[in-house]
Protein backbone atom coordinates (compact mmCIF):
# COMPACT_ATOMS: atom_id res chain seq x y z
CA MET A 1 10.69 -4.62 9.63
CA LEU A 2 9.60 -7.53 7.52
CA LEU A 3 7.95 -5.40 4.83
CA THR A 4 8.12 -1.70 4.10
CA VAL A 5 6.25 -0.12 1.20
CA ASP A 6 7.37 3.51 1.04
CA THR A 7 5.37 5.88 -1.19
CA VAL A 8 5.14 3.36 -4.04
CA SER A 9 3.43 4.34 -7.27
CA LYS A 10 2.50 2.17 -10.24
CA THR A 11 1.00 3.24 -13.56
CA TYR A 12 -0.09 0.76 -16.20
CA PRO A 13 0.45 1.30 -19.94
CA GLY A 14 -1.82 3.96 -21.31
CA GLY A 15 -1.18 6.17 -18.30
CA ARG A 16 -3.71 4.53 -15.95
CA PRO A 17 -2.44 5.06 -12.37
CA VAL A 18 -3.21 2.19 -10.02
CA LEU A 19 -1.19 3.09 -6.92
CA ARG A 20 -0.20 6.61 -5.93
CA GLY A 21 2.11 6.91 -2.94
CA ALA A 22 1.07 3.70 -1.18
CA SER A 23 2.83 3.09 2.15
CA ILE A 24 2.63 0.12 4.54
CA THR A 25 4.92 -1.20 7.25
CA LEU A 26 4.59 -4.72 8.67
CA ASP A 27 6.68 -6.31 11.39
CA ARG A 28 7.19 -10.04 11.76
CA GLY A 29 4.07 -11.67 13.18
CA GLN A 30 1.71 -8.94 12.00
CA SER A 31 -1.01 -9.61 9.45
CA LEU A 32 -2.89 -7.38 7.08
CA ALA A 33 -6.15 -7.72 5.17
CA LEU A 34 -6.49 -5.78 1.92
CA THR A 35 -10.04 -4.83 1.07
CA GLY A 36 -11.50 -2.54 -1.54
CA GLU A 37 -13.43 -2.26 -4.74
CA SER A 38 -12.45 -4.10 -7.88
CA GLY A 39 -9.69 -2.17 -9.63
CA SER A 40 -8.52 -0.37 -6.49
CA GLY A 41 -5.00 -1.85 -6.61
CA LYS A 42 -5.15 -4.77 -4.16
CA SER A 43 -3.73 -7.38 -6.55
CA THR A 44 -1.23 -4.87 -7.92
CA LEU A 45 0.09 -4.20 -4.40
CA LEU A 46 0.39 -7.95 -3.75
CA ASN A 47 2.23 -8.47 -7.06
CA LEU A 48 4.63 -5.65 -6.20
CA THR A 49 5.37 -6.82 -2.65
CA GLY A 50 5.78 -10.40 -3.90
CA ALA A 51 8.45 -9.22 -6.37
CA LEU A 52 6.34 -10.31 -9.34
CA ASP A 53 6.03 -6.88 -10.91
CA GLY A 54 8.01 -3.64 -11.00
CA PHE A 55 6.92 -0.25 -9.68
CA ASP A 56 7.46 3.27 -10.99
CA SER A 57 8.62 5.11 -7.87
CA GLY A 58 9.10 4.69 -4.15
CA GLU A 59 10.70 1.66 -2.51
CA ILE A 60 9.66 -1.75 -1.30
CA THR A 61 11.93 -3.47 1.22
CA LEU A 62 11.24 -7.12 1.95
CA ASP A 63 13.16 -8.81 4.76
CA GLY A 64 15.90 -6.17 4.47
CA VAL A 65 16.20 -6.35 0.67
CA ALA A 66 15.33 -3.29 -1.47
CA LEU A 67 13.37 -4.65 -4.43
CA SER A 68 14.36 -1.76 -6.69
CA GLN A 69 17.98 -2.98 -6.51
CA LEU A 70 17.19 -6.46 -7.86
CA ASP A 71 17.17 -7.61 -11.47
CA ASP A 72 14.86 -10.39 -12.73
CA ALA A 73 17.16 -13.14 -11.43
CA GLY A 74 17.45 -11.45 -8.05
CA ARG A 75 13.67 -11.14 -7.72
CA ALA A 76 13.27 -14.80 -8.71
CA ALA A 77 15.82 -15.84 -6.07
CA LEU A 78 14.05 -13.73 -3.44
CA ARG A 79 10.71 -15.37 -4.27
CA ARG A 80 12.29 -18.81 -4.22
CA ASP A 81 14.03 -18.34 -0.88
CA ARG A 82 11.86 -15.95 1.17
CA VAL A 83 8.33 -15.50 -0.22
CA ALA A 84 5.30 -17.80 -0.26
CA LEU A 85 2.64 -16.93 -2.82
CA VAL A 86 -0.89 -18.27 -3.14
CA PHE A 87 -2.34 -17.16 -6.46
CA GLN A 88 -6.00 -16.23 -6.85
CA GLN A 89 -6.01 -17.88 -10.29
CA TYR A 90 -5.18 -21.51 -10.86
CA ASN A 91 -1.66 -21.39 -12.29
CA LEU A 92 -1.46 -25.11 -12.89
CA ILE A 93 0.17 -26.84 -15.83
CA PRO A 94 -2.33 -29.41 -17.19
CA ALA A 95 0.40 -31.77 -18.42
CA LEU A 96 1.89 -32.14 -14.90
CA SER A 97 0.55 -33.82 -11.80
CA VAL A 98 1.18 -33.16 -8.14
């Protein structure tokens, strides 16, 4: 499996649950489209599977690596070496050029 999300839950500060027991399995070559209303957890799920944010319970395994076992440096290395992210906001630094 390339990606396994196994009963993952995420609650934001203030006790607002965003994901409750989300599960997805993707093999190499498969694609997935996330659709839903604003606030339904699409961006949260992408941030979790891209190792940008932590989750409360469950497990996410990306390319054989359990994300719950990684510290900040480990998640950064995983993103650097194995994940491509395209942000929905422009995360550009005005003082730099391409």
